[in-house]
């Protein structure tokens, strides 16, 4: 069980880093024209950045829960 949870923890950490990198790449691709779109709502790149951030937070939460579960099981 401990090995399985450790593998899940590593997978969650990799997913977190992947979402972080994708969010940074999206941020770097954002141009000034995207920011000044003027349509009254969020730009497409802004929505994608929010999606990447929410994904990163989700995977971080999963990683923290798995780490806590591993600590409880190791007692």
N, C-alpha and C. Protein backbone atom coordinates (compact mmCIF):
# COMPACT_ATOMS: atom_id res chain seq x y z
N UNK A 1 0.82 -1.19 0.00
CA UNK A 1 0.00 0.00 0.00
C UNK A 1 0.87 1.26 0.00
N UNK A 2 1.95 1.20 0.77
CA UNK A 2 2.84 2.34 0.86
C UNK A 2 3.51 2.63 -0.48
N UNK A 3 3.88 1.60 -1.19
CA UNK A 3 4.52 1.78 -2.50
C UNK A 3 3.53 2.40 -3.48
N UNK A 4 2.29 1.93 -3.45
CA UNK A 4 1.26 2.46 -4.33
C UNK A 4 1.02 3.95 -4.06
N UNK A 5 0.92 4.31 -2.78
CA UNK A 5 0.71 5.72 -2.43
C UNK A 5 1.91 6.58 -2.80
N UNK A 6 3.11 6.02 -2.66
CA UNK A 6 4.31 6.76 -3.05
C UNK A 6 4.30 7.02 -4.55
N UNK A 7 3.91 6.04 -5.34
CA UNK A 7 3.81 6.23 -6.79
C UNK A 7 2.75 7.26 -7.15
N UNK A 8 1.63 7.22 -6.43
CA UNK A 8 0.59 8.23 -6.65
C UNK A 8 1.09 9.63 -6.28
N UNK A 9 1.87 9.72 -5.20
CA UNK A 9 2.42 10.99 -4.79
C UNK A 9 3.37 11.54 -5.85
N UNK A 10 4.22 10.69 -6.38
CA UNK A 10 5.15 11.13 -7.44
C UNK A 10 4.37 11.58 -8.67
N UNK A 11 3.33 10.84 -9.03
CA UNK A 11 2.51 11.21 -10.19
C UNK A 11 1.83 12.57 -9.96
N UNK A 12 1.32 12.80 -8.76
CA UNK A 12 0.67 14.08 -8.45
C UNK A 12 1.69 15.23 -8.48
N UNK A 13 2.91 14.96 -8.02
CA UNK A 13 3.94 16.00 -8.05
C UNK A 13 4.34 16.32 -9.49
N UNK A 14 4.46 15.30 -10.33
CA UNK A 14 4.79 15.52 -11.74
C UNK A 14 3.67 16.29 -12.43
N UNK A 15 2.43 15.94 -12.13
CA UNK A 15 1.30 16.65 -12.71
C UNK A 15 1.28 18.11 -12.27
N UNK A 16 1.64 18.38 -11.02
CA UNK A 16 1.70 19.75 -10.51
C UNK A 16 2.74 20.56 -11.26
N UNK A 17 3.91 20.00 -11.43
CA UNK A 17 4.98 20.71 -12.15
C UNK A 17 4.59 20.92 -13.61
N UNK A 18 3.94 19.92 -14.21
CA UNK A 18 3.51 20.05 -15.60
C UNK A 18 2.52 21.20 -15.76
N UNK A 19 1.54 21.27 -14.87
CA UNK A 19 0.56 22.35 -14.94
C UNK A 19 1.22 23.70 -14.68
N UNK A 20 2.20 23.74 -13.79
CA UNK A 20 2.92 24.98 -13.53
C UNK A 20 3.65 25.45 -14.77
N UNK A 21 4.36 24.55 -15.43
CA UNK A 21 5.11 24.91 -16.63
C UNK A 21 4.16 25.33 -17.75
N UNK A 22 3.05 24.62 -17.93
CA UNK A 22 2.08 25.00 -18.96
C UNK A 22 1.50 26.38 -18.68
N UNK A 23 1.24 26.69 -17.41
CA UNK A 23 0.74 28.01 -17.05
C UNK A 23 1.75 29.11 -17.32
N UNK A 24 3.01 28.84 -17.02
CA UNK A 24 4.06 29.83 -17.29
C UNK A 24 4.22 30.05 -18.78
N UNK A 25 4.18 28.97 -19.57
CA UNK A 25 4.29 29.11 -21.02
C UNK A 25 3.12 29.92 -21.57
N UNK A 26 1.92 29.66 -21.08
CA UNK A 26 0.75 30.43 -21.50
C UNK A 26 0.91 31.90 -21.14
N UNK A 27 1.41 32.15 -19.94
CA UNK A 27 1.64 33.53 -19.50
C UNK A 27 2.65 34.23 -20.41
N UNK A 28 3.72 33.53 -20.75
CA UNK A 28 4.75 34.14 -21.59
C UNK A 28 4.28 34.37 -23.02
N UNK A 29 3.31 33.60 -23.47
CA UNK A 29 2.78 33.77 -24.83
C UNK A 29 1.73 34.88 -24.91
N UNK A 30 1.30 35.39 -23.78
CA UNK A 30 0.30 36.45 -23.76
C UNK A 30 0.91 37.74 -24.29
N UNK A 31 0.24 38.33 -25.25
CA UNK A 31 0.74 39.57 -25.84
C UNK A 31 -0.04 40.75 -25.28
N UNK A 32 0.46 41.94 -25.53
CA UNK A 32 -0.22 43.14 -25.08
C UNK A 32 -1.58 43.28 -25.76
N UNK A 33 -1.67 42.82 -27.01
CA UNK A 33 -2.95 42.87 -27.71
C UNK A 33 -3.99 41.98 -27.03
N UNK A 34 -3.55 40.84 -26.51
CA UNK A 34 -4.46 39.96 -25.77
C UNK A 34 -5.00 40.66 -24.53
N UNK A 35 -4.12 41.39 -23.86
CA UNK A 35 -4.52 42.06 -22.62
C UNK A 35 -5.47 43.22 -22.87
N UNK A 36 -5.33 43.87 -24.04
CA UNK A 36 -6.15 45.03 -24.37
C UNK A 36 -7.24 44.66 -25.38
N UNK A 37 -7.78 43.47 -25.27
CA UNK A 37 -8.77 43.03 -26.25
C UNK A 37 -10.02 43.91 -26.23
N UNK A 38 -10.38 44.43 -25.06
CA UNK A 38 -11.46 45.40 -24.98
C UNK A 38 -12.85 44.83 -25.20
N UNK A 39 -13.03 43.52 -25.11
CA UNK A 39 -14.36 42.96 -25.33
C UNK A 39 -15.20 42.92 -24.06
N UNK A 40 -14.69 43.46 -22.98
CA UNK A 40 -15.46 43.54 -21.75
C UNK A 40 -15.34 42.31 -20.87
N UNK A 41 -14.78 41.23 -21.37
CA UNK A 41 -14.63 40.01 -20.59
C UNK A 41 -13.19 39.56 -20.57
N UNK A 42 -12.95 38.45 -19.91
CA UNK A 42 -11.58 37.95 -19.86
C UNK A 42 -11.13 37.44 -21.23
N UNK A 43 -9.83 37.57 -21.49
CA UNK A 43 -9.29 37.12 -22.76
C UNK A 43 -9.14 35.60 -22.75
N UNK A 44 -8.95 35.04 -23.92
CA UNK A 44 -8.79 33.58 -24.03
C UNK A 44 -7.54 33.13 -23.29
N UNK A 45 -6.47 33.91 -23.37
CA UNK A 45 -5.24 33.52 -22.67
C UNK A 45 -5.43 33.63 -21.16
N UNK A 46 -6.21 34.62 -20.72
CA UNK A 46 -6.49 34.75 -19.29
C UNK A 46 -7.29 33.57 -18.77
N UNK A 47 -8.25 33.12 -19.55
CA UNK A 47 -9.02 31.94 -19.15
C UNK A 47 -8.15 30.70 -19.09
N UNK A 48 -7.25 30.58 -20.06
CA UNK A 48 -6.35 29.42 -20.06
C UNK A 48 -5.40 29.47 -18.87
N UNK A 49 -4.92 30.66 -18.53
CA UNK A 49 -4.05 30.80 -17.37
C UNK A 49 -4.79 30.39 -16.10
N UNK A 50 -6.04 30.81 -15.97
CA UNK A 50 -6.84 30.43 -14.80
C UNK A 50 -7.05 28.92 -14.74
N UNK A 51 -7.28 28.31 -15.89
CA UNK A 51 -7.46 26.86 -15.95
C UNK A 51 -6.20 26.13 -15.49
N UNK A 52 -5.05 26.62 -15.93
CA UNK A 52 -3.78 26.01 -15.53
C UNK A 52 -3.54 26.18 -14.03
N UNK A 53 -3.88 27.36 -13.50
CA UNK A 53 -3.69 27.60 -12.08
C UNK A 53 -4.60 26.70 -11.25
N UNK A 54 -5.85 26.56 -11.66
CA UNK A 54 -6.77 25.70 -10.91
C UNK A 54 -6.33 24.24 -10.97
N UNK A 55 -5.81 23.81 -12.12
CA UNK A 55 -5.28 22.45 -12.23
C UNK A 55 -4.10 22.23 -11.32
N UNK A 56 -3.22 23.23 -11.25
CA UNK A 56 -2.05 23.12 -10.37
C UNK A 56 -2.47 23.03 -8.91
N UNK A 57 -3.42 23.84 -8.52
CA UNK A 57 -3.90 23.81 -7.14
C UNK A 57 -4.55 22.46 -6.83
N UNK A 58 -5.31 21.93 -7.78
CA UNK A 58 -5.95 20.62 -7.60
C UNK A 58 -4.90 19.53 -7.37
N UNK A 59 -3.88 19.49 -8.23
CA UNK A 59 -2.85 18.46 -8.09
C UNK A 59 -2.02 18.66 -6.83
N UNK A 60 -1.80 19.90 -6.43
CA UNK A 60 -1.09 20.15 -5.18
C UNK A 60 -1.89 19.63 -3.99
N UNK A 61 -3.18 19.85 -4.01
CA UNK A 61 -4.03 19.36 -2.92
C UNK A 61 -4.00 17.84 -2.85
N UNK A 62 -4.05 17.20 -4.00
CA UNK A 62 -3.98 15.74 -4.02
C UNK A 62 -2.65 15.27 -3.45
N UNK A 63 -1.55 15.93 -3.84
CA UNK A 63 -0.23 15.55 -3.35
C UNK A 63 -0.14 15.71 -1.83
N UNK A 64 -0.70 16.80 -1.30
CA UNK A 64 -0.67 17.02 0.15
C UNK A 64 -1.49 15.95 0.86
N UNK A 65 -2.65 15.62 0.33
CA UNK A 65 -3.47 14.57 0.96
C UNK A 65 -2.77 13.22 0.95
N UNK A 66 -2.14 12.88 -0.15
CA UNK A 66 -1.42 11.60 -0.23
C UNK A 66 -0.25 11.61 0.75
N UNK A 67 0.48 12.72 0.83
CA UNK A 67 1.60 12.80 1.77
C UNK A 67 1.11 12.66 3.22
N UNK A 68 0.00 13.28 3.54
CA UNK A 68 -0.57 13.14 4.88
C UNK A 68 -0.99 11.70 5.16
N UNK A 69 -1.59 11.07 4.17
CA UNK A 69 -1.99 9.68 4.32
C UNK A 69 -0.77 8.77 4.51
N UNK A 70 0.29 9.03 3.77
CA UNK A 70 1.52 8.26 3.94
C UNK A 70 2.09 8.43 5.34
N UNK A 71 2.05 9.64 5.86
CA UNK A 71 2.57 9.88 7.22
C UNK A 71 1.72 9.17 8.26
N UNK A 72 0.41 9.16 8.06
CA UNK A 72 -0.46 8.46 9.01
C UNK A 72 -0.24 6.96 8.97
N UNK A 73 0.00 6.42 7.79
CA UNK A 73 0.22 4.98 7.66
C UNK A 73 1.60 4.56 8.13
N UNK A 74 2.55 5.47 8.19
CA UNK A 74 3.91 5.10 8.57
C UNK A 74 4.09 5.00 10.09
N UNK A 75 3.11 5.42 10.85
CA UNK A 75 3.21 5.33 12.31
C UNK A 75 3.20 3.92 12.79
